[in-house]
Amino acid sequence: MTGGGCMDEGRALVLLGTSGCHLCDKAEALLTQAAAARAFTWRYHDIALEDALVSQYGERIPVLLLPDGRELNWPFSLLDILSATD
């Protein structure tokens, strides 16, 4: 899933999650709200597609990767997302 905005793809936020993760669904909803308030691009990446990501993030998802290399670990709020994209 991708939210609209003006950031180029290299500057997009990446939500790491996987199918059946109810917290990931909540994080997606927050990102949708944040993208409506601020112009930025984000995409969803299923960690189940890569063993290395499952090892690194499997017990931490959802995790939001920011363009500057920082990570927002769950729980994060709408305000956290807005502050990170300011």
PDB file of N, CA and C in Angstrom:
ATOM      1  N   MET A   1       0.856  -1.175   0.000  1.00  0.00           N
ATOM      2  CA  MET A   1       0.000   0.000   0.000  1.00  0.00           C
ATOM      3  C   MET A   1       0.893   1.226   0.000  1.00  0.00           C
ATOM      4  N   THR A   2       0.467   2.246  -0.659  1.00  0.00           N
ATOM      5  CA  THR A   2       1.247   3.475  -0.734  1.00  0.00           C
ATOM      6  C   THR A   2       0.364   4.663  -0.442  1.00  0.00           C
ATOM      7  N   GLY A   3       0.874   5.575   0.352  1.00  0.00           N
ATOM      8  CA  GLY A   3       0.171   6.826   0.612  1.00  0.00           C
ATOM      9  C   GLY A   3       0.669   7.888  -0.347  1.00  0.00           C
ATOM     10  N   GLY A   4      -0.164   8.854  -0.639  1.00  0.00           N
ATOM     11  CA  GLY A   4       0.204   9.904  -1.574  1.00  0.00           C
ATOM     12  C   GLY A   4       1.153  10.900  -0.966  1.00  0.00           C
ATOM     13  N   GLY A   5       1.735  11.724  -1.827  1.00  0.00           N
ATOM     14  CA  GLY A   5       2.588  12.768  -1.311  1.00  0.00           C
ATOM     15  C   GLY A   5       3.616  13.224  -2.312  1.00  0.00           C
ATOM     16  N   CYS A   6       4.544  14.083  -1.845  1.00  0.00           N
ATOM     17  CA  CYS A   6       5.496  14.677  -2.765  1.00  0.00           C
ATOM     18  C   CYS A   6       6.924  14.202  -2.548  1.00  0.00           C
ATOM     19  N   MET A   7       7.185  13.361  -1.559  1.00  0.00           N
ATOM     20  CA  MET A   7       8.536  12.859  -1.375  1.00  0.00           C
ATOM     21  C   MET A   7       8.859  11.889  -2.503  1.00  0.00           C
ATOM     22  N   ASP A   8      10.101  11.910  -3.020  1.00  0.00           N
ATOM     23  CA  ASP A   8      10.440  10.950  -4.054  1.00  0.00           C
ATOM     24  C   ASP A   8      10.595   9.570  -3.429  1.00  0.00           C
ATOM     25  N   GLU A   9      10.598   8.534  -4.271  1.00  0.00           N
ATOM     26  CA  GLU A   9      10.595   7.148  -3.788  1.00  0.00           C
ATOM     27  C   GLU A   9      11.776   6.868  -2.862  1.00  0.00           C
ATOM     28  N   GLY A  10      12.937   7.471  -3.135  1.00  0.00           N
ATOM     29  CA  GLY A  10      14.102   7.267  -2.286  1.00  0.00           C
ATOM     30  C   GLY A  10      13.926   7.870  -0.898  1.00  0.00           C
ATOM     31  N   ARG A  11      12.961   8.759  -0.745  1.00  0.00           N
ATOM     32  CA  ARG A  11      12.718   9.400   0.535  1.00  0.00           C
ATOM     33  C   ARG A  11      11.423   8.898   1.161  1.00  0.00           C
ATOM     34  N   ALA A  12      10.875   7.831   0.632  1.00  0.00           N
ATOM     35  CA  ALA A  12       9.617   7.302   1.147  1.00  0.00           C
ATOM     36  C   ALA A  12       9.832   6.613   2.493  1.00  0.00           C
ATOM     37  N   LEU A  13       8.823   6.695   3.331  1.00  0.00           N
ATOM     38  CA  LEU A  13       8.809   5.928   4.563  1.00  0.00           C
ATOM     39  C   LEU A  13       8.441   4.503   4.203  1.00  0.00           C
ATOM     40  N   VAL A  14       8.963   3.552   4.964  1.00  0.00           N
ATOM     41  CA  VAL A  14       8.679   2.144   4.702  1.00  0.00           C
ATOM     42  C   VAL A  14       8.131   1.534   5.986  1.00  0.00           C
ATOM     43  N   LEU A  15       6.927   0.980   5.891  1.00  0.00           N
ATOM     44  CA  LEU A  15       6.320   0.278   7.012  1.00  0.00           C
ATOM     45  C   LEU A  15       6.618  -1.205   6.853  1.00  0.00           C
ATOM     46  N   LEU A  16       7.358  -1.752   7.810  1.00  0.00           N
ATOM     47  CA  LEU A  16       7.651  -3.180   7.816  1.00  0.00           C
ATOM     48  C   LEU A  16       6.576  -3.895   8.609  1.00  0.00           C
ATOM     49  N   GLY A  17       6.023  -4.932   8.026  1.00  0.00           N
ATOM     50  CA  GLY A  17       4.984  -5.704   8.691  1.00  0.00           C
ATOM     51  C   GLY A  17       4.824  -7.036   8.002  1.00  0.00           C
ATOM     52  N   THR A  18       3.703  -7.696   8.272  1.00  0.00           N
ATOM     53  CA  THR A  18       3.396  -8.956   7.605  1.00  0.00           C
ATOM     54  C   THR A  18       1.907  -9.222   7.678  1.00  0.00           C
ATOM     55  N   SER A  19       1.463 -10.132   6.868  1.00  0.00           N
ATOM     56  CA  SER A  19       0.050 -10.489   6.802  1.00  0.00           C
ATOM     57  C   SER A  19      -0.428 -11.053   8.144  1.00  0.00           C
ATOM     58  N   GLY A  20      -1.615 -10.646   8.544  1.00  0.00           N
ATOM     59  CA  GLY A  20      -2.198 -11.152   9.780  1.00  0.00           C
ATOM     60  C   GLY A  20      -1.740 -10.431  11.030  1.00  0.00           C
ATOM     61  N   CYS A  21      -0.962  -9.382  10.887  1.00  0.00           N
ATOM     62  CA  CYS A  21      -0.454  -8.612  12.031  1.00  0.00           C
ATOM     63  C   CYS A  21      -1.429  -7.461  12.309  1.00  0.00           C
ATOM     64  N   HIS A  22      -2.219  -7.584  13.373  1.00  0.00           N
ATOM     65  CA  HIS A  22      -3.215  -6.548  13.663  1.00  0.00           C
ATOM     66  C   HIS A  22      -2.568  -5.223  14.040  1.00  0.00           C
ATOM     67  N   LEU A  23      -1.391  -5.249  14.638  1.00  0.00           N
ATOM     68  CA  LEU A  23      -0.690  -4.003  14.949  1.00  0.00           C
ATOM     69  C   LEU A  23      -0.210  -3.319  13.664  1.00  0.00           C
ATOM     70  N   CYS A  24       0.158  -4.124  12.672  1.00  0.00           N
ATOM     71  CA  CYS A  24       0.561  -3.563  11.383  1.00  0.00           C
ATOM     72  C   CYS A  24      -0.624  -2.873  10.719  1.00  0.00           C
ATOM     73  N   ASP A  25      -1.811  -3.454  10.860  1.00  0.00           N
ATOM     74  CA  ASP A  25      -3.019  -2.822  10.323  1.00  0.00           C
ATOM     75  C   ASP A  25      -3.270  -1.475  10.995  1.00  0.00           C
ATOM     76  N   LYS A  26      -3.047  -1.418  12.304  1.00  0.00           N
ATOM     77  CA  LYS A  26      -3.209  -0.148  13.023  1.00  0.00           C
ATOM     78  C   LYS A  26      -2.177   0.874  12.553  1.00  0.00           C
ATOM     79  N   ALA A  27      -0.943   0.422  12.348  1.00  0.00           N
ATOM     80  CA  ALA A  27       0.114   1.318  11.868  1.00  0.00           C
ATOM     81  C   ALA A  27      -0.218   1.842  10.469  1.00  0.00           C
ATOM     82  N   GLU A  28      -0.764   0.979   9.607  1.00  0.00           N
ATOM     83  CA  GLU A  28      -1.175   1.425   8.267  1.00  0.00           C
ATOM     84  C   GLU A  28      -2.241   2.508   8.356  1.00  0.00           C
ATOM     85  N   ALA A  29      -3.197   2.332   9.253  1.00  0.00           N
ATOM     86  CA  ALA A  29      -4.256   3.337   9.427  1.00  0.00           C
ATOM     87  C   ALA A  29      -3.670   4.668   9.886  1.00  0.00           C
ATOM     88  N   LEU A  30      -2.706   4.621  10.803  1.00  0.00           N
ATOM     89  CA  LEU A  30      -2.058   5.854  11.261  1.00  0.00           C
ATOM     90  C   LEU A  30      -1.307   6.535  10.120  1.00  0.00           C
ATOM     91  N   LEU A  31      -0.618   5.748   9.304  1.00  0.00           N
ATOM     92  CA  LEU A  31       0.112   6.321   8.172  1.00  0.00           C
ATOM     93  C   LEU A  31      -0.830   6.954   7.163  1.00  0.00           C
ATOM     94  N   THR A  32      -1.966   6.340   6.941  1.00  0.00           N
ATOM     95  CA  THR A  32      -2.956   6.907   6.037  1.00  0.00           C
ATOM     96  C   THR A  32      -3.444   8.255   6.553  1.00  0.00           C
ATOM     97  N   GLN A  33      -3.695   8.334   7.854  1.00  0.00           N
ATOM     98  CA  GLN A  33      -4.105   9.606   8.468  1.00  0.00           C
ATOM     99  C   GLN A  33      -2.996  10.643   8.343  1.00  0.00           C
ATOM    100  N   ALA A  34      -1.778  10.246   8.633  1.00  0.00           N
ATOM    101  CA  ALA A  34      -0.653  11.180   8.584  1.00  0.00           C
ATOM    102  C   ALA A  34      -0.423  11.684   7.166  1.00  0.00           C
ATOM    103  N   ALA A  35      -0.546  10.796   6.173  1.00  0.00           N
ATOM    104  CA  ALA A  35      -0.349  11.194   4.778  1.00  0.00           C
ATOM    105  C   ALA A  35      -1.429  12.162   4.322  1.00  0.00           C
ATOM    106  N   ALA A  36      -2.614  12.077   4.925  1.00  0.00           N
ATOM    107  CA  ALA A  36      -3.681  13.023   4.592  1.00  0.00           C
ATOM    108  C   ALA A  36      -3.374  14.408   5.160  1.00  0.00           C
ATOM    109  N   ALA A  37      -2.625  14.457   6.251  1.00  0.00           N
ATOM    110  CA  ALA A  37      -2.294  15.728   6.891  1.00  0.00           C
ATOM    111  C   ALA A  37      -1.008  16.339   6.338  1.00  0.00           C
ATOM    112  N   ARG A  38      -0.092  15.504   5.890  1.00  0.00           N
ATOM    113  CA  ARG A  38       1.207  15.951   5.376  1.00  0.00           C
ATOM    114  C   ARG A  38       1.476  15.246   4.066  1.00  0.00           C
ATOM    115  N   ALA A  39       2.144  15.921   3.190  1.00  0.00           N
ATOM    116  CA  ALA A  39       2.476  15.317   1.897  1.00  0.00           C
ATOM    117  C   ALA A  39       3.747  14.483   2.023  1.00  0.00           C
ATOM    118  N   PHE A  40       3.589  13.174   2.082  1.00  0.00           N
ATOM    119  CA  PHE A  40       4.729  12.275   2.046  1.00  0.00           C
ATOM    120  C   PHE A  40       4.299  10.954   1.437  1.00  0.00           C
ATOM    121  N   THR A  41       5.274  10.193   1.008  1.00  0.00           N
ATOM    122  CA  THR A  41       5.027   8.895   0.392  1.00  0.00           C
ATOM    123  C   THR A  41       5.475   7.813   1.359  1.00  0.00           C
ATOM    124  N   TRP A  42       4.705   6.742   1.385  1.00  0.00           N
ATOM    125  CA  TRP A  42       5.100   5.595   2.187  1.00  0.00           C
ATOM    126  C   TRP A  42       4.697   4.330   1.438  1.00  0.00           C
ATOM    127  N   ARG A  43       5.356   3.254   1.804  1.00  0.00           N
ATOM    128  CA  ARG A  43       5.015   1.960   1.221  1.00  0.00           C
ATOM    129  C   ARG A  43       5.112   0.884   2.294  1.00  0.00           C
ATOM    130  N   TYR A  44       4.406  -0.187   2.045  1.00  0.00           N
ATOM    131  CA  TYR A  44       4.372  -1.330   2.957  1.00  0.00           C
ATOM    132  C   TYR A  44       5.323  -2.393   2.427  1.00  0.00           C
ATOM    133  N   HIS A  45       6.100  -3.002   3.302  1.00  0.00           N
ATOM    134  CA  HIS A  45       6.988  -4.090   2.901  1.00  0.00           C
ATOM    135  C   HIS A  45       6.747  -5.279   3.823  1.00  0.00           C
ATOM    136  N   ASP A  46       6.392  -6.409   3.229  1.00  0.00           N
ATOM    137  CA  ASP A  46       6.127  -7.631   3.995  1.00  0.00           C
ATOM    138  C   ASP A  46       7.447  -8.313   4.316  1.00  0.00           C
ATOM    139  N   ILE A  47       7.781  -8.372   5.591  1.00  0.00           N
ATOM    140  CA  ILE A  47       9.066  -8.953   5.991  1.00  0.00           C
ATOM    141  C   ILE A  47       9.129 -10.452   5.725  1.00  0.00           C
ATOM    142  N   ALA A  48       7.968 -11.104   5.577  1.00  0.00           N
ATOM    143  CA  ALA A  48       7.944 -12.548   5.336  1.00  0.00           C
ATOM    144  C   ALA A  48       8.607 -12.916   4.014  1.00  0.00           C
ATOM    145  N   LEU A  49       8.812 -11.944   3.146  1.00  0.00           N
ATOM    146  CA  LEU A  49       9.427 -12.204   1.847  1.00  0.00           C
ATOM    147  C   LEU A  49      10.947 -12.330   1.925  1.00  0.00           C
ATOM    148  N   GLU A  50      11.525 -11.956   3.072  1.00  0.00           N
ATOM    149  CA  GLU A  50      12.989 -11.980   3.215  1.00  0.00           C
ATOM    150  C   GLU A  50      13.373 -12.512   4.593  1.00  0.00           C
ATOM    151  N   ASP A  51      14.082 -13.630   4.611  1.00  0.00           N
ATOM    152  CA  ASP A  51      14.486 -14.255   5.875  1.00  0.00           C
ATOM    153  C   ASP A  51      15.272 -13.306   6.766  1.00  0.00           C
ATOM    154  N   ALA A  52      16.129 -12.492   6.170  1.00  0.00           N
ATOM    155  CA  ALA A  52      16.948 -11.560   6.967  1.00  0.00           C
ATOM    156  C   ALA A  52      16.062 -10.563   7.701  1.00  0.00           C
ATOM    157  N   LEU A  53      14.997 -10.093   7.044  1.00  0.00           N
ATOM    158  CA  LEU A  53      14.088  -9.148   7.693  1.00  0.00           C
ATOM    159  C   LEU A  53      13.277  -9.822   8.793  1.00  0.00           C
ATOM    160  N   VAL A  54      12.902 -11.072   8.578  1.00  0.00           N
ATOM    161  CA  VAL A  54      12.187 -11.815   9.622  1.00  0.00           C
ATOM    162  C   VAL A  54      13.081 -11.936  10.852  1.00  0.00           C
ATOM    163  N   SER A  55      14.350 -12.248  10.639  1.00  0.00           N
ATOM    164  CA  SER A  55      15.288 -12.374  11.762  1.00  0.00           C
ATOM    165  C   SER A  55      15.473 -11.044  12.491  1.00  0.00           C
ATOM    166  N   GLN A  56      15.578  -9.968  11.738  1.00  0.00           N
ATOM    167  CA  GLN A  56      15.860  -8.665  12.328  1.00  0.00           C
ATOM    168  C   GLN A  56      14.631  -8.011  12.948  1.00  0.00           C
ATOM    169  N   TYR A  57      13.475  -8.158  12.304  1.00  0.00           N
ATOM    170  CA  TYR A  57      12.294  -7.395  12.724  1.00  0.00           C
ATOM    171  C   TYR A  57      11.109  -8.255  13.163  1.00  0.00           C
ATOM    172  N   GLY A  58      11.208  -9.561  13.069  1.00  0.00           N
ATOM    173  CA  GLY A  58      10.079 -10.448  13.304  1.00  0.00           C
ATOM    174  C   GLY A  58       9.335 -10.239  14.605  1.00  0.00           C
ATOM    175  N   GLU A  59      10.045  -9.921  15.671  1.00  0.00           N
ATOM    176  CA  GLU A  59       9.412  -9.716  16.977  1.00  0.00           C
ATOM    177  C   GLU A  59       9.149  -8.254  17.274  1.00  0.00           C
ATOM    178  N   ARG A  60       9.489  -7.359  16.319  1.00  0.00           N
ATOM    179  CA  ARG A  60       9.362  -5.919  16.566  1.00  0.00           C
ATOM    180  C   ARG A  60       8.308  -5.242  15.712  1.00  0.00           C
ATOM    181  N   ILE A  61       7.785  -5.912  14.694  1.00  0.00           N
ATOM    182  CA  ILE A  61       6.852  -5.262  13.771  1.00  0.00           C
ATOM    183  C   ILE A  61       5.578  -4.851  14.481  1.00  0.00           C
ATOM    184  N   PRO A  62       4.988  -3.775  14.017  1.00  0.00           N
ATOM    185  CA  PRO A  62       5.383  -2.953  12.884  1.00  0.00           C
ATOM    186  C   PRO A  62       6.532  -2.000  13.237  1.00  0.00           C
ATOM    187  N   VAL A  63       7.368  -1.765  12.256  1.00  0.00           N
ATOM    188  CA  VAL A  63       8.476  -0.819  12.376  1.00  0.00           C
ATOM    189  C   VAL A  63       8.389   0.121  11.178  1.00  0.00           C
ATOM    190  N   LEU A  64       8.516   1.405  11.444  1.00  0.00           N
ATOM    191  CA  LEU A  64       8.491   2.406  10.387  1.00  0.00           C
ATOM    192  C   LEU A  64       9.918   2.884  10.141  1.00  0.00           C
ATOM    193  N   LEU A  65      10.412   2.641   8.924  1.00  0.00           N
ATOM    194  CA  LEU A  65      11.753   3.089   8.542  1.00  0.00           C
ATOM    195  C   LEU A  65      11.644   4.476   7.941  1.00  0.00           C
ATOM    196  N   LEU A  66      12.420   5.398   8.475  1.00  0.00           N
ATOM    197  CA  LEU A  66      12.401   6.786   8.023  1.00  0.00           C
ATOM    198  C   LEU A  66      13.511   7.013   7.004  1.00  0.00           C
ATOM    199  N   PRO A  67      13.350   7.980   6.116  1.00  0.00           N
ATOM    200  CA  PRO A  67      14.347   8.226   5.066  1.00  0.00           C
ATOM    201  C   PRO A  67      15.753   8.527   5.588  1.00  0.00           C
ATOM    202  N   ASP A  68      15.850   9.066   6.800  1.00  0.00           N
ATOM    203  CA  ASP A  68      17.169   9.405   7.345  1.00  0.00           C
ATOM    204  C   ASP A  68      17.836   8.237   8.077  1.00  0.00           C
ATOM    205  N   GLY A  69      17.211   7.046   8.012  1.00  0.00           N
ATOM    206  CA  GLY A  69      17.803   5.861   8.621  1.00  0.00           C
ATOM    207  C   GLY A  69      17.265   5.530  10.004  1.00  0.00           C
ATOM    208  N   ARG A  70      16.520   6.457  10.601  1.00  0.00           N
ATOM    209  CA  ARG A  70      15.937   6.168  11.914  1.00  0.00           C
ATOM    210  C   ARG A  70      14.798   5.166  11.769  1.00  0.00           C
ATOM    211  N   GLU A  71      14.470   4.518  12.886  1.00  0.00           N
ATOM    212  CA  GLU A  71      13.362   3.585  12.932  1.00  0.00           C
ATOM    213  C   GLU A  71      12.401   4.001  14.024  1.00  0.00           C
ATOM    214  N   LEU A  72      11.108   3.954  13.724  1.00  0.00           N
ATOM    215  CA  LEU A  72      10.080   4.132  14.749  1.00  0.00           C
ATOM    216  C   LEU A  72       9.543   2.750  15.065  1.00  0.00           C
ATOM    217  N   ASN A  73       9.749   2.324  16.293  1.00  0.00           N
ATOM    218  CA  ASN A  73       9.257   1.023  16.723  1.00  0.00           C
ATOM    219  C   ASN A  73       7.885   1.177  17.353  1.00  0.00           C
ATOM    220  N   TRP A  74       7.039   0.170  17.166  1.00  0.00           N
ATOM    221  CA  TRP A  74       5.720   0.164  17.768  1.00  0.00           C
ATOM    222  C   TRP A  74       5.865   0.057  19.266  1.00  0.00           C
ATOM    223  N   PRO A  75       5.081   0.783  20.029  1.00  0.00           N
ATOM    224  CA  PRO A  75       3.963   1.612  19.604  1.00  0.00           C
ATOM    225  C   PRO A  75       4.413   3.017  19.219  1.00  0.00           C
ATOM    226  N   PHE A  76       3.909   3.489  18.074  1.00  0.00           N
ATOM    227  CA  PHE A  76       4.083   4.888  17.694  1.00  0.00           C
ATOM    228  C   PHE A  76       2.711   5.471  17.415  1.00  0.00           C
ATOM    229  N   SER A  77       2.652   6.782  17.548  1.00  0.00           N
ATOM    230  CA  SER A  77       1.372   7.479  17.428  1.00  0.00           C
ATOM    231  C   SER A  77       1.338   8.318  16.150  1.00  0.00           C
ATOM    232  N   LEU A  78       0.177   8.860  15.875  1.00  0.00           N
ATOM    233  CA  LEU A  78       0.031   9.800  14.764  1.00  0.00           C
ATOM    234  C   LEU A  78       0.977  10.983  14.962  1.00  0.00           C
ATOM    235  N   LEU A  79       1.072  11.486  16.176  1.00  0.00           N
ATOM    236  CA  LEU A  79       1.972  12.592  16.467  1.00  0.00           C
ATOM    237  C   LEU A  79       3.435  12.211  16.212  1.00  0.00           C
ATOM    238  N   ASP A  80       3.815  10.991  16.556  1.00  0.00           N
ATOM    239  CA  ASP A  80       5.186  10.528  16.290  1.00  0.00           C
ATOM    240  C   ASP A  80       5.490  10.547  14.791  1.00  0.00           C
ATOM    241  N   ILE A  81       4.523  10.082  13.998  1.00  0.00           N
ATOM    242  CA  ILE A  81       4.709  10.059  12.544  1.00  0.00           C
ATOM    243  C   ILE A  81       4.806  11.482  12.001  1.00  0.00           C
ATOM    244  N   LEU A  82       3.899  12.339  12.453  1.00  0.00           N
ATOM    245  CA  LEU A  82       3.909  13.723  11.982  1.00  0.00           C
ATOM    246  C   LEU A  82       5.205  14.422  12.364  1.00  0.00           C
ATOM    247  N   SER A  83       5.685  14.188  13.568  1.00  0.00           N
ATOM    248  CA  SER A  83       6.961  14.798  14.006  1.00  0.00           C
ATOM    249  C   SER A  83       8.124  14.285  13.173  1.00  0.00           C
ATOM    250  N   ALA A  84       8.103  13.011  12.841  1.00  0.00           N
ATOM    251  CA  ALA A  84       9.188  12.401  12.089  1.00  0.00           C
ATOM    252  C   ALA A  84       9.204  12.877  10.634  1.00  0.00           C
ATOM    253  N   THR A  85       8.057  13.326  10.129  1.00  0.00           N
ATOM    254  CA  THR A  85       7.979  13.759   8.734  1.00  0.00           C
ATOM    255  C   THR A  85       7.977  15.279   8.599  1.00  0.00           C
ATOM    256  N   ASP A  86       8.196  15.964   9.707  1.00  0.00           N
ATOM    257  CA  ASP A  86       8.192  17.419   9.721  1.00  0.00           C
ATOM    258  C   ASP A  86       9.415  17.993   9.045  1.00  0.00           C
TER     259      ASP A  86
END
